[in-house]
């Protein structure tokens, strides 16, 4: 979207990392390799394969340098190290060398064609995580071609710390170069929040926005830019009033950041002394380092979907076990709540497990998929159980509709326990099992679920979607996606009462738990456990510490059977002073 106000231009995109930065634009052009397309002579085959091997050695050395000179955690370094796995993939080496030997191609042509074919294959699968993997292959392929063509991908001398570099697409290797050059922000025309480049961007603290249309045409070199990563906004050549506002905002943000970081050593207590447990959500292991630095009460939601989407084959039990074990050990003695596989069957079509569904949101997803594929579910449960011997692990089942659903999953879990016991494999025999409350029927059946489960967790994103029959990814009906709708709050309140009745621990792990204006509302309703996005952790903690007895009294008297407008007046007027920090 473009909004012209005099000479000032506003663009919007997707925030890759929060923060604010003001600097001058500098386009980083993509280098086009000059590649010979004519065939080689048969006697030159060995020479070209030797050139290919030499290029592999050079790029391997470059990756080693990146690993040893990038200031990020070991887990984040694994992203860079994964490029070495691509580099030394025997199948890929066979593809390139066969093309050289049988098609008489130059090494450059064989590399370009093979990597292009792999990238196109990934991108054609229409699954985001496969597309993310494509970016890694593209990065490695480019580095090999750079080496063979003698091109050195260095940053331009004019790129100083006051500049905002602009790319067509970011790569993991480039993120490391920007951080080492002390660049504070960048923009890209294309990118995904979950890509390896984006993960490194957050790990290294660069402000970034991706998927901004018209970047190349609208932004000129040396334009003054305001990069607002908090809102996903780019302001080009701001007027004096706008610039002054953001200069002050940058100063205020820095003071707030310093103040919030001081909360790490403080307890998560309301002002009248009530303990509020604050967990963190995590989607990939690379986020673990940042979470351990928060000082949180554990992981309330560990999404395991990345295990299945970042590859073309299903992960083995041992592969899963190693990841779960690492999480358990690093977070011990605090709990790690592992949510079992939660994806629609259509997302696994590339693996040959399911065909596309007409309505995957109401189809074979979550626990339904796991129960329909006992082999996959069985493998994952065994891996989690084995990891439970190394820390405080809990298991949570998604998309449960009632207690029968839960009991069927528990039956398979019990079978896995019996197997491991007979094999002499160690595991925690007291591991807790929980259910997500994200379908209205589960909330309406909360009494029986609270009685059967060791813990419950409300997934507000899907609960809102299913209660109001609104596709939360459809902009055409976005105005109907009202998280504080009375119907939604009624189901949340019913779940809270059921959990309290049976003394079953209850958390909220959906988006509402991370949005400041909903924190007082949830606490006032009786929620005592929140699982939040790591970037919102200290903000949520600061709001928790402002909540008091008056809040709980106000919410106990409030009539939630009223209109949306009544609830909005409560949130945005009566509760406003609690979440203003």
Protein backbone atom coordinates (compact mmCIF):
# COMPACT_ATOMS: atom_id res chain seq x y z
CA UNK A 1 0.00 0.00 0.00
CA UNK A 2 1.33 3.46 -0.89
CA UNK A 3 0.11 6.66 0.75
CA UNK A 4 1.39 9.94 -0.68
CA UNK A 5 1.41 13.02 1.57
CA UNK A 6 3.21 15.82 -0.28
CA UNK A 7 6.72 14.42 -0.83
CA UNK A 8 6.44 12.00 2.03
CA UNK A 9 5.66 8.38 1.10
CA UNK A 10 4.40 5.63 3.39
CA UNK A 11 4.78 1.95 2.55
CA UNK A 12 3.73 -1.10 4.55
CA UNK A 13 5.19 -4.58 4.72
CA UNK A 14 5.71 -7.46 7.13
CA UNK A 15 7.82 -6.85 10.20
CA UNK A 16 10.72 -9.28 10.49
CA UNK A 17 12.03 -7.75 13.72
CA UNK A 18 10.71 -5.00 15.96
CA UNK A 19 12.40 -1.69 16.58
CA UNK A 20 12.86 1.73 15.03
CA UNK A 21 15.68 3.01 12.84
CA UNK A 22 16.28 6.22 10.90
CA UNK A 23 18.82 6.27 8.09
CA UNK A 24 19.59 6.80 4.41
CA UNK A 25 18.60 4.31 1.70
CA UNK A 26 21.15 2.30 -0.27
CA UNK A 27 20.08 -0.30 -2.84
CA UNK A 28 22.22 -3.46 -2.90
CA UNK A 29 22.09 -4.78 -6.44
CA UNK A 30 21.98 -8.49 -7.20
CA UNK A 31 25.05 -9.68 -9.07
CA UNK A 32 24.33 -11.50 -12.32
CA UNK A 33 26.90 -14.24 -12.95
CA UNK A 34 28.43 -14.47 -16.40
CA UNK A 35 28.13 -18.15 -17.26
CA UNK A 36 29.35 -19.97 -20.36
CA UNK A 37 26.63 -22.14 -21.88
CA UNK A 38 28.77 -23.88 -24.50
CA UNK A 39 29.70 -27.52 -23.94
CA UNK A 40 33.09 -28.61 -22.66
CA UNK A 41 35.33 -31.25 -24.31
CA UNK A 42 35.28 -34.76 -22.79
CA UNK A 43 38.91 -34.38 -21.76
CA UNK A 44 37.94 -31.35 -19.62
CA UNK A 45 35.46 -33.23 -17.45
CA UNK A 46 37.93 -34.02 -14.66
CA UNK A 47 39.13 -30.43 -14.68
CA UNK A 48 35.59 -29.07 -14.23
CA UNK A 49 34.80 -31.53 -11.44
CA UNK A 50 38.06 -30.46 -9.78
CA UNK A 51 36.95 -26.81 -10.05
CA UNK A 52 33.65 -27.78 -8.42
CA UNK A 53 35.50 -29.50 -5.55
CA UNK A 54 37.77 -26.47 -5.10
CA UNK A 55 34.70 -24.20 -4.93
CA UNK A 56 33.20 -26.43 -2.26
CA UNK A 57 36.40 -26.13 -0.21
CA UNK A 58 36.42 -22.33 -0.53
CA UNK A 59 32.78 -21.97 0.48
CA UNK A 60 33.34 -24.39 3.37
CA UNK A 61 36.11 -22.09 4.60
CA UNK A 62 33.80 -19.09 4.26
CA UNK A 63 31.12 -20.82 6.32
CA UNK A 64 33.70 -21.68 9.00
CA UNK A 65 34.69 -18.01 9.11
CA UNK A 66 31.05 -16.98 9.49
CA UNK A 67 30.57 -19.46 12.33
CA UNK A 68 33.64 -18.20 14.18
CA UNK A 69 32.98 -14.51 13.64
CA UNK A 70 29.22 -14.08 14.13
CA UNK A 71 28.02 -12.99 17.58
CA UNK A 72 25.04 -15.29 18.03
CA UNK A 73 24.14 -18.32 20.12
CA UNK A 74 25.21 -21.86 19.31
CA UNK A 75 21.66 -22.75 18.30
CA UNK A 76 21.51 -19.83 15.87
CA UNK A 77 24.94 -20.77 14.54
CA UNK A 78 23.41 -24.11 13.57
CA UNK A 79 21.52 -22.20 10.86
CA UNK A 80 24.79 -21.15 9.28
CA UNK A 81 26.26 -24.61 9.85
CA UNK A 82 23.27 -26.17 8.05
CA UNK A 83 24.58 -24.58 4.85
CA UNK A 84 27.61 -26.81 5.20
CA UNK A 85 25.28 -29.82 5.17
CA UNK A 86 23.86 -28.59 1.86
CA UNK A 87 27.36 -27.98 0.54
CA UNK A 88 28.45 -31.54 1.29
CA UNK A 89 25.18 -33.27 0.36
CA UNK A 90 26.24 -36.44 -1.56
CA UNK A 91 23.07 -36.39 -3.67
CA UNK A 92 23.68 -32.80 -4.73
CA UNK A 93 27.33 -33.57 -5.52
CA UNK A 94 26.19 -36.49 -7.65
CA UNK A 95 23.71 -34.28 -9.54
CA UNK A 96 26.33 -31.66 -10.39
CA UNK A 97 29.14 -34.08 -11.25
CA UNK A 98 26.80 -36.20 -13.39
CA UNK A 99 25.73 -33.07 -15.32
CA UNK A 100 29.38 -32.22 -15.93
CA UNK A 101 30.31 -35.76 -16.96
CA UNK A 102 27.26 -36.76 -19.01
CA UNK A 103 25.98 -33.42 -20.33
CA UNK A 104 29.48 -31.95 -20.77
CA UNK A 105 28.50 -28.82 -18.87
CA UNK A 106 30.82 -26.28 -17.34
CA UNK A 107 30.86 -26.51 -13.51
CA UNK A 108 29.10 -23.12 -13.36
CA UNK A 109 26.27 -24.28 -15.63
CA UNK A 110 25.86 -27.58 -13.78
CA UNK A 111 25.71 -25.81 -10.40
CA UNK A 112 23.30 -23.16 -11.59
CA UNK A 113 20.97 -25.68 -13.25
CA UNK A 114 21.02 -28.16 -10.35
CA UNK A 115 20.45 -25.57 -7.65
CA UNK A 116 17.76 -23.86 -9.71
CA UNK A 117 15.95 -27.18 -10.13
CA UNK A 118 16.07 -27.85 -6.38
CA UNK A 119 14.89 -24.34 -5.52
CA UNK A 120 12.02 -24.51 -8.02
CA UNK A 121 10.99 -27.91 -6.68
CA UNK A 122 10.79 -26.56 -3.12
CA UNK A 123 8.91 -23.43 -4.16
CA UNK A 124 6.41 -25.39 -6.24
CA UNK A 125 5.26 -27.32 -3.16
CA UNK A 126 3.26 -24.29 -1.92
CA UNK A 127 4.29 -24.97 1.67
CA UNK A 128 6.00 -22.09 3.42
CA UNK A 129 8.69 -24.10 5.18
CA UNK A 130 9.76 -25.75 1.93
CA UNK A 131 10.03 -22.30 0.37
CA UNK A 132 12.21 -21.27 3.33
CA UNK A 133 14.50 -24.21 2.63
CA UNK A 134 14.71 -23.03 -0.96
CA UNK A 135 16.29 -19.78 0.24
CA UNK A 136 19.09 -21.73 1.94
CA UNK A 137 19.86 -23.67 -1.24
CA UNK A 138 19.78 -20.46 -3.25
CA UNK A 139 22.29 -18.92 -0.83
CA UNK A 140 24.72 -21.85 -1.06
CA UNK A 141 24.40 -22.03 -4.84
CA UNK A 142 25.17 -18.31 -5.15
CA UNK A 143 28.28 -18.68 -2.99
CA UNK A 144 29.57 -21.50 -5.18
CA UNK A 145 28.96 -19.47 -8.35
CA UNK A 146 30.65 -16.43 -6.77
CA UNK A 147 33.73 -18.53 -6.12
CA UNK A 148 33.84 -20.03 -9.62
CA UNK A 149 33.30 -16.71 -11.39
CA UNK A 150 35.71 -14.78 -9.17
CA UNK A 151 33.04 -12.49 -7.76
CA UNK A 152 33.50 -11.35 -4.15
CA UNK A 153 30.17 -10.59 -2.47
CA UNK A 154 31.36 -7.78 -0.21
CA UNK A 155 29.33 -4.89 1.11
CA UNK A 156 29.80 -1.59 -0.74
CA UNK A 157 32.18 0.88 0.89
CA UNK A 158 29.40 3.48 0.97
CA UNK A 159 27.36 1.26 3.34
CA UNK A 160 27.92 2.83 6.75
CA UNK A 161 26.07 2.39 10.03
CA UNK A 162 23.79 5.31 9.10
CA UNK A 163 22.50 3.53 5.99
CA UNK A 164 19.49 1.27 5.40
CA UNK A 165 20.45 -1.36 2.78
CA UNK A 166 17.67 -2.57 0.49
CA UNK A 167 17.64 -6.09 -0.97
CA UNK A 168 15.46 -8.10 -3.30
CA UNK A 169 15.70 -10.98 -0.78
CA UNK A 170 17.80 -11.48 2.33
CA UNK A 171 20.09 -14.49 2.85
CA UNK A 172 21.54 -15.89 6.10
CA UNK A 173 25.10 -15.16 5.01
CA UNK A 174 24.25 -11.53 4.24
CA UNK A 175 22.60 -11.02 7.64
CA UNK A 176 25.89 -11.96 9.31
CA UNK A 177 27.80 -9.48 7.13
CA UNK A 178 25.37 -6.68 7.98
CA UNK A 179 25.64 -7.36 11.71
CA UNK A 180 29.45 -7.42 11.57
CA UNK A 181 29.32 -4.08 9.72
CA UNK A 182 27.13 -2.70 12.55
CA UNK A 183 24.16 -2.04 10.27
CA UNK A 184 21.03 -1.34 12.31
CA UNK A 185 18.25 -2.09 9.82
CA UNK A 186 17.47 -3.39 6.35
CA UNK A 187 14.54 -3.74 3.93
CA UNK A 188 13.72 -6.49 1.45
CA UNK A 189 11.16 -6.87 -1.31
CA UNK A 190 10.66 -10.53 -0.44
CA UNK A 191 10.95 -12.49 2.79
CA UNK A 192 9.27 -14.65 5.41
CA UNK A 193 9.14 -14.20 9.18
CA UNK A 194 10.17 -17.84 9.69
CA UNK A 195 13.07 -17.98 7.24
CA UNK A 196 16.58 -18.68 8.50
CA UNK A 197 17.62 -15.19 7.44
CA UNK A 198 14.81 -13.73 9.55
CA UNK A 199 15.68 -15.88 12.56
CA UNK A 200 19.27 -14.61 12.38
CA UNK A 201 17.98 -11.06 11.95
CA UNK A 202 16.15 -11.30 15.27
CA UNK A 203 19.07 -13.08 16.96
CA UNK A 204 21.43 -10.29 15.88
CA UNK A 205 19.00 -7.49 16.69
CA UNK A 206 18.59 -5.88 13.27
CA UNK A 207 15.38 -3.97 12.58
CA UNK A 208 13.84 -5.28 9.36
CA UNK A 209 10.72 -5.17 7.17
CA UNK A 210 10.06 -7.49 4.21
CA UNK A 211 7.46 -7.85 1.47
CA UNK A 212 7.31 -4.13 0.73
CA UNK A 213 5.89 -3.49 -2.71
CA UNK A 214 7.48 -1.00 -5.13
CA UNK A 215 10.68 -0.74 -3.10
CA UNK A 216 12.96 -0.64 -6.11
CA UNK A 217 10.85 1.94 -7.96
CA UNK A 218 9.77 4.20 -5.10
CA UNK A 219 12.87 4.36 -2.90
CA UNK A 220 15.92 6.16 -4.30
CA UNK A 221 19.45 5.95 -3.00
CA UNK A 222 20.06 8.48 -0.20
CA UNK A 223 16.34 8.95 0.55
CA UNK A 224 15.79 9.51 4.27
CA UNK A 225 13.97 6.48 5.69
CA UNK A 226 12.15 5.74 8.91
CA UNK A 227 12.00 1.96 9.40
CA UNK A 228 9.24 1.18 11.90
CA UNK A 229 9.62 -2.52 12.63
CA UNK A 230 6.99 -2.36 15.37
CA UNK A 231 4.26 -1.50 12.88
CA UNK A 232 5.77 -2.86 9.65
CA UNK A 233 5.84 0.66 8.20
CA UNK A 234 8.38 2.44 6.03
CA UNK A 235 8.28 6.23 5.76
CA UNK A 236 10.26 7.77 2.92
CA UNK A 237 11.47 11.39 3.11
CA UNK A 238 9.36 12.26 6.18
CA UNK A 239 8.23 15.81 6.73
CA UNK A 240 9.69 17.73 9.67
CA UNK A 241 6.82 16.95 12.02
CA UNK A 242 6.94 13.21 11.31
CA UNK A 243 10.72 13.08 11.63
CA UNK A 244 10.65 14.90 14.98
CA UNK A 245 8.00 12.48 16.24
CA UNK A 246 10.06 9.42 15.35
CA UNK A 247 13.33 10.86 16.67
CA UNK A 248 11.62 11.30 20.04
CA UNK A 249 10.02 7.86 19.75
CA UNK A 250 13.43 6.25 19.19
CA UNK A 251 14.68 7.91 22.38
CA UNK A 252 11.62 6.83 24.36
CA UNK A 253 11.85 3.25 23.02
CA UNK A 254 15.45 3.01 24.20
CA UNK A 255 14.54 4.22 27.68
CA UNK A 256 11.61 1.79 27.81
CA UNK A 257 13.82 -1.09 26.67
CA UNK A 258 16.31 -0.37 29.42
CA UNK A 259 13.51 -0.17 32.00
CA UNK A 260 11.82 -3.39 30.89
CA UNK A 261 15.08 -5.35 30.91
CA UNK A 262 15.46 -4.50 34.60
CA UNK A 263 12.30 -6.56 35.20
CA UNK A 264 14.24 -9.79 34.56
CA UNK A 265 15.26 -10.07 38.20
CA UNK A 266 11.81 -9.18 39.53
CA UNK A 267 9.02 -11.62 40.39
CA UNK A 268 5.94 -12.01 38.20
CA UNK A 269 3.52 -10.82 40.87
CA UNK A 270 0.51 -8.53 40.76
CA UNK A 271 0.73 -5.43 42.93
CA UNK A 272 -1.27 -7.23 45.64
CA UNK A 273 1.04 -10.26 45.61
CA UNK A 274 -0.69 -12.82 43.39
CA UNK A 275 1.72 -15.05 41.48
CA UNK A 276 1.18 -15.09 37.70
CA UNK A 277 3.12 -17.80 35.90
CA UNK A 278 4.68 -16.50 32.71
CA UNK A 279 5.72 -19.05 30.12
CA UNK A 280 7.12 -18.40 26.63
CA UNK A 281 5.97 -19.75 23.26
CA UNK A 282 8.55 -21.21 20.90
CA UNK A 283 8.27 -22.35 17.29
CA UNK A 284 11.79 -23.53 16.44
CA UNK A 285 14.83 -24.58 18.52
CA UNK A 286 16.80 -21.58 17.27
CA UNK A 287 14.67 -19.39 19.54
CA UNK A 288 15.81 -21.26 22.66
CA UNK A 289 18.78 -19.01 23.46
CA UNK A 290 16.60 -15.91 23.60
CA UNK A 291 14.04 -17.66 25.81
CA UNK A 292 16.62 -18.84 28.34
CA UNK A 293 17.75 -15.22 28.68
CA UNK A 294 14.23 -14.10 29.69
CA UNK A 295 14.18 -15.85 33.03
CA UNK A 296 10.66 -17.12 32.29
CA UNK A 297 8.83 -19.88 34.16
CA UNK A 298 9.25 -22.35 31.30
CA UNK A 299 7.92 -23.03 27.81
CA UNK A 300 4.13 -23.10 27.68
CA UNK A 301 3.94 -23.99 23.99
CA UNK A 302 6.59 -25.67 21.87
CA UNK A 303 5.23 -26.02 18.33
CA UNK A 304 6.67 -29.09 16.63
CA UNK A 305 5.49 -28.49 13.06
CA UNK A 306 8.93 -27.33 11.90
CA UNK A 307 10.10 -30.95 12.22
CA UNK A 308 7.82 -31.97 9.37
CA UNK A 309 7.83 -28.89 7.16
CA UNK A 310 11.54 -28.17 6.82
CA UNK A 311 12.28 -31.39 4.99
CA UNK A 312 11.05 -33.78 2.33
CA UNK A 313 11.13 -36.85 4.58
CA UNK A 314 9.63 -37.49 8.00
CA UNK A 315 12.02 -37.13 10.96
CA UNK A 316 13.07 -40.28 12.76
CA UNK A 317 12.46 -40.96 16.43
CA UNK A 318 16.13 -40.32 17.23
CA UNK A 319 16.13 -36.99 15.37
CA UNK A 320 13.09 -35.80 17.28
CA UNK A 321 14.45 -37.12 20.57
CA UNK A 322 17.66 -35.09 20.22
CA UNK A 323 15.71 -31.87 19.74
CA UNK A 324 13.28 -32.53 22.60
CA UNK A 325 16.16 -33.60 24.86
CA UNK A 326 18.05 -30.38 24.20
CA UNK A 327 14.95 -28.34 25.04
CA UNK A 328 14.34 -30.29 28.25
CA UNK A 329 17.94 -30.03 29.42
CA UNK A 330 18.31 -26.34 28.66
CA UNK A 331 15.04 -25.38 30.37
CA UNK A 332 15.28 -27.72 33.40
CA UNK A 333 13.86 -27.61 36.00
CA UNK A 334 11.15 -25.44 34.42
CA UNK A 335 8.56 -27.20 32.25
CA UNK A 336 8.67 -27.60 28.48
CA UNK A 337 5.17 -28.11 27.07
CA UNK A 338 5.48 -29.94 23.76
CA UNK A 339 2.43 -29.69 21.52
CA UNK A 340 2.09 -32.70 19.29
CA UNK A 341 1.90 -32.29 15.55
CA UNK A 342 -0.67 -29.62 14.58
CA UNK A 343 -1.03 -29.21 10.83
CA UNK A 344 -3.74 -29.77 8.29
CA UNK A 345 -3.34 -32.83 6.12
CA UNK A 346 -3.10 -30.62 3.04
CA UNK A 347 0.18 -29.22 4.31
CA UNK A 348 1.69 -32.69 4.19
CA UNK A 349 0.66 -33.45 0.62
CA UNK A 350 4.31 -33.09 -0.53
CA UNK A 351 5.22 -35.98 1.77
CA UNK A 352 2.60 -38.16 0.16
CA UNK A 353 0.61 -38.54 3.39
CA UNK A 354 -2.57 -36.67 2.58
CA UNK A 355 -4.29 -35.17 -0.41
CA UNK A 356 -5.40 -31.55 -0.48
CA UNK A 357 -8.63 -30.85 1.39
CA UNK A 358 -11.34 -28.44 0.30
CA UNK A 359 -11.59 -26.98 3.79
CA UNK A 360 -8.45 -27.92 5.75
CA UNK A 361 -9.40 -25.77 8.78
CA UNK A 362 -12.33 -28.14 9.36
CA UNK A 363 -10.54 -31.19 8.06
CA UNK A 364 -7.95 -33.74 9.07
CA UNK A 365 -5.68 -31.58 11.19
CA UNK A 366 -4.18 -31.55 14.68
CA UNK A 367 -4.94 -34.57 16.85
CA UNK A 368 -7.23 -35.89 14.10
CA UNK A 369 -4.28 -36.28 11.76
CA UNK A 370 -2.18 -37.89 14.51
CA UNK A 371 -4.93 -40.39 15.34
CA UNK A 372 -5.32 -41.17 11.63
CA UNK A 373 -1.57 -41.78 11.28
CA UNK A 374 -0.60 -43.89 14.27
CA UNK A 375 2.92 -44.45 12.97
CA UNK A 376 3.72 -40.72 12.95
CA UNK A 377 2.03 -40.12 16.30
CA UNK A 378 3.67 -43.19 17.83
CA UNK A 379 7.14 -42.03 16.71
CA UNK A 380 6.66 -38.55 18.13
CA UNK A 381 5.29 -39.74 21.48
CA UNK A 382 8.18 -42.18 21.95
CA UNK A 383 10.69 -39.41 21.21
CA UNK A 384 9.03 -37.04 23.70
CA UNK A 385 8.85 -39.74 26.38
CA UNK A 386 12.55 -40.51 25.98
CA UNK A 387 13.35 -36.79 26.30
CA UNK A 388 11.26 -36.57 29.49
CA UNK A 389 14.09 -38.38 31.32
CA UNK A 390 16.22 -35.26 30.86
CA UNK A 391 13.94 -32.54 32.22
CA UNK A 392 10.44 -31.39 33.04
CA UNK A 393 8.50 -32.27 29.88
CA UNK A 394 4.73 -32.06 29.38
CA UNK A 395 2.68 -33.17 26.36
CA UNK A 396 -0.25 -31.18 24.96
CA UNK A 397 -2.72 -32.43 22.34
CA UNK A 398 -4.15 -29.88 19.85
CA UNK A 399 -7.63 -29.71 18.28
CA UNK A 400 -9.27 -31.83 20.99
CA UNK A 401 -13.08 -31.67 20.70
CA UNK A 402 -14.03 -33.63 23.83
CA UNK A 403 -12.77 -36.07 26.46
CA UNK A 404 -13.18 -39.06 24.12
CA UNK A 405 -10.68 -37.41 21.75
CA UNK A 406 -8.26 -36.94 24.65
CA UNK A 407 -8.68 -40.50 25.91
CA UNK A 408 -7.98 -41.97 22.47
CA UNK A 409 -4.72 -40.02 22.28
CA UNK A 410 -3.89 -41.04 25.86
CA UNK A 411 -4.43 -44.71 24.97
CA UNK A 412 -1.72 -44.53 22.28
CA UNK A 413 0.50 -42.65 24.72
CA UNK A 414 0.07 -45.43 27.31
CA UNK A 415 1.02 -48.00 24.69
CA UNK A 416 4.23 -46.08 23.96
CA UNK A 417 5.05 -46.07 27.68
CA UNK A 418 4.59 -49.84 27.86
CA UNK A 419 6.89 -50.33 24.87
CA UNK A 420 9.67 -48.20 26.29
CA UNK A 421 9.36 -49.86 29.69
CA UNK A 422 9.69 -53.33 28.14
CA UNK A 423 12.75 -52.11 26.19
CA UNK A 424 14.40 -50.77 29.35
CA UNK A 425 14.37 -47.18 28.06
CA UNK A 426 14.23 -44.44 30.70
CA UNK A 427 11.38 -41.92 30.77
CA UNK A 428 9.33 -39.95 33.28
CA UNK A 429 6.41 -42.18 34.20
CA UNK A 430 4.60 -39.18 35.73
CA UNK A 431 4.71 -37.00 32.62
CA UNK A 432 1.69 -34.68 32.44
CA UNK A 433 -0.81 -34.74 29.59
CA UNK A 434 -2.90 -31.73 28.61
CA UNK A 435 -5.37 -30.55 26.01
CA UNK A 436 -5.71 -27.33 24.07
CA UNK A 437 -9.06 -25.59 24.32
CA UNK A 438 -9.42 -24.10 20.85
CA UNK A 439 -12.70 -25.57 19.61
CA UNK A 440 -16.01 -24.39 21.12
CA UNK A 441 -17.06 -27.98 21.89
CA UNK A 442 -13.94 -28.41 24.05
CA UNK A 443 -14.81 -25.27 26.02
CA UNK A 444 -18.39 -26.47 26.44
CA UNK A 445 -17.01 -29.84 27.60
CA UNK A 446 -14.40 -28.18 29.83
CA UNK A 447 -15.70 -29.90 32.98
CA UNK A 448 -14.95 -33.41 31.70
CA UNK A 449 -11.64 -32.32 30.14
CA UNK A 450 -10.51 -30.53 33.31
CA UNK A 451 -11.28 -33.71 35.25
CA UNK A 452 -9.37 -35.97 32.82
CA UNK A 453 -6.37 -33.77 31.96
CA UNK A 454 -3.35 -32.78 34.02
CA UNK A 455 -3.53 -29.25 32.56
CA UNK A 456 -5.39 -27.19 29.96
CA UNK A 457 -4.30 -24.39 27.65
CA UNK A 458 -6.59 -22.02 25.77
CA UNK A 459 -5.53 -21.39 22.17
CA UNK A 460 -7.37 -18.15 21.53
CA UNK A 461 -6.47 -17.82 17.84
CA UNK A 462 -8.47 -20.85 16.75
CA UNK A 463 -11.07 -20.45 19.48
CA UNK A 464 -12.01 -17.06 18.04
CA UNK A 465 -11.92 -18.42 14.48
CA UNK A 466 -14.18 -21.38 15.19
CA UNK A 467 -16.55 -19.55 17.53
CA UNK A 468 -17.22 -16.71 15.09
CA UNK A 469 -16.82 -18.75 11.87
CA UNK A 470 -14.12 -16.34 10.65
CA UNK A 471 -11.05 -17.35 8.68
CA UNK A 472 -8.40 -15.33 10.51
CA UNK A 473 -6.22 -15.25 7.39
CA UNK A 474 -8.95 -13.79 5.16
CA UNK A 475 -8.79 -9.99 4.89
CA UNK A 476 -12.32 -9.88 3.48
CA UNK A 477 -13.78 -10.90 6.85
CA UNK A 478 -11.12 -9.51 9.18
CA UNK A 479 -13.61 -7.11 10.80
CA UNK A 480 -15.51 -10.13 12.14
CA UNK A 481 -12.41 -11.52 13.87
CA UNK A 482 -13.09 -9.96 17.28
CA UNK A 483 -11.01 -11.60 19.99
CA UNK A 484 -13.01 -9.92 22.79
CA UNK A 485 -16.42 -10.88 21.39
CA UNK A 486 -18.85 -11.79 24.21
CA UNK A 487 -19.27 -15.30 22.78
CA UNK A 488 -15.51 -15.89 22.91
CA UNK A 489 -15.18 -14.47 26.42
CA UNK A 490 -18.08 -16.64 27.55
CA UNK A 491 -16.21 -19.78 26.45
CA UNK A 492 -13.00 -18.57 28.08
CA UNK A 493 -14.82 -17.87 31.35
CA UNK A 494 -16.50 -21.27 31.27
CA UNK A 495 -13.12 -22.96 30.79
CA UNK A 496 -11.58 -20.97 33.65
CA UNK A 497 -14.42 -21.98 36.01
CA UNK A 498 -14.14 -25.66 35.02
CA UNK A 499 -10.38 -25.66 35.57
CA UNK A 500 -10.81 -24.01 38.99
CA UNK A 501 -13.51 -26.51 39.94
CA UNK A 502 -11.15 -29.47 39.46
CA UNK A 503 -7.99 -27.54 40.45
CA UNK A 504 -6.57 -28.18 36.96
CA UNK A 505 -3.79 -25.75 35.92
CA UNK A 506 -4.93 -23.52 33.05
CA UNK A 507 -2.93 -21.22 30.79
CA UNK A 508 -3.68 -19.03 27.79
CA UNK A 509 -1.15 -19.52 24.99
CA UNK A 510 -2.88 -17.78 22.07
CA UNK A 511 -2.29 -14.30 20.70
CA UNK A 512 -4.48 -12.67 23.37
CA UNK A 513 -1.90 -13.60 26.02
CA UNK A 514 0.71 -11.44 24.26
CA UNK A 515 -1.43 -8.39 23.47
CA UNK A 516 -1.04 -5.72 26.20
CA UNK A 517 -4.68 -4.56 26.20
CA UNK A 518 -5.93 -8.11 26.87
CA UNK A 519 -3.61 -8.92 29.80
CA UNK A 520 -5.68 -7.15 32.52
CA UNK A 521 -8.86 -8.66 31.05
CA UNK A 522 -7.50 -12.22 31.18
CA UNK A 523 -6.10 -11.82 34.69
CA UNK A 524 -9.33 -10.24 35.88
CA UNK A 525 -11.25 -13.22 34.50
CA UNK A 526 -9.14 -15.55 36.66
CA UNK A 527 -6.28 -16.66 34.39
CA UNK A 528 -3.10 -17.22 36.42
CA UNK A 529 -0.83 -18.62 33.71
CA UNK A 530 0.10 -16.93 30.42
CA UNK A 531 2.32 -18.27 27.65
CA UNK A 532 3.53 -15.35 25.57
CA UNK A 533 5.66 -14.50 22.55
CA UNK A 534 9.27 -13.91 23.70
CA UNK A 535 9.34 -10.39 22.22
CA UNK A 536 6.38 -9.41 24.42
CA UNK A 537 7.59 -11.09 27.61
CA UNK A 538 8.85 -8.09 29.56
CA UNK A 539 5.94 -5.91 28.45
CA UNK A 540 3.49 -8.54 29.73
CA UNK A 541 5.45 -8.83 32.97
CA UNK A 542 5.32 -5.06 33.50
CA UNK A 543 1.52 -5.09 33.02
CA UNK A 544 1.12 -8.04 35.41
CA UNK A 545 2.92 -6.06 38.10
CA UNK A 546 0.46 -3.17 37.70
CA UNK A 547 -2.67 -5.32 38.14
CA UNK A 548 -4.31 -5.13 41.56
CA UNK A 549 -7.29 -6.12 43.71
CA UNK A 550 -9.44 -3.36 42.21
CA UNK A 551 -9.07 -4.98 38.77
CA UNK A 552 -10.37 -8.31 40.04
CA UNK A 553 -13.29 -6.62 41.78
CA UNK A 554 -14.19 -4.66 38.65
CA UNK A 555 -14.17 -7.79 36.46
CA UNK A 556 -16.19 -9.79 39.00
CA UNK A 557 -18.99 -7.21 38.76
CA UNK A 558 -18.88 -6.71 34.99
CA UNK A 559 -21.75 -8.04 32.85
CA UNK A 560 -20.10 -9.94 29.98
CA UNK A 561 -23.44 -10.71 28.34
CA UNK A 562 -23.56 -7.21 26.86
CA UNK A 563 -22.45 -5.98 23.45
CA UNK A 564 -19.04 -5.80 21.82
CA UNK A 565 -19.14 -2.05 22.40
CA UNK A 566 -19.65 -2.57 26.15
CA UNK A 567 -16.58 -4.79 26.33
CA UNK A 568 -14.52 -2.38 24.24
CA UNK A 569 -15.40 0.43 26.65
CA UNK A 570 -14.21 -1.82 29.48
CA UNK A 571 -10.93 -2.65 27.75
CA UNK A 572 -10.04 0.67 26.17
CA UNK A 573 -11.35 2.95 28.93
CA UNK A 574 -11.69 1.25 32.32
CA UNK A 575 -8.63 -1.01 31.99
CA UNK A 576 -6.43 1.32 29.98
CA UNK A 577 -4.26 2.49 32.88
CA UNK A 578 -3.18 -1.11 33.57
CA UNK A 579 -1.57 -1.70 30.19
CA UNK A 580 -0.12 1.77 29.62
CA UNK A 581 3.54 1.41 30.54
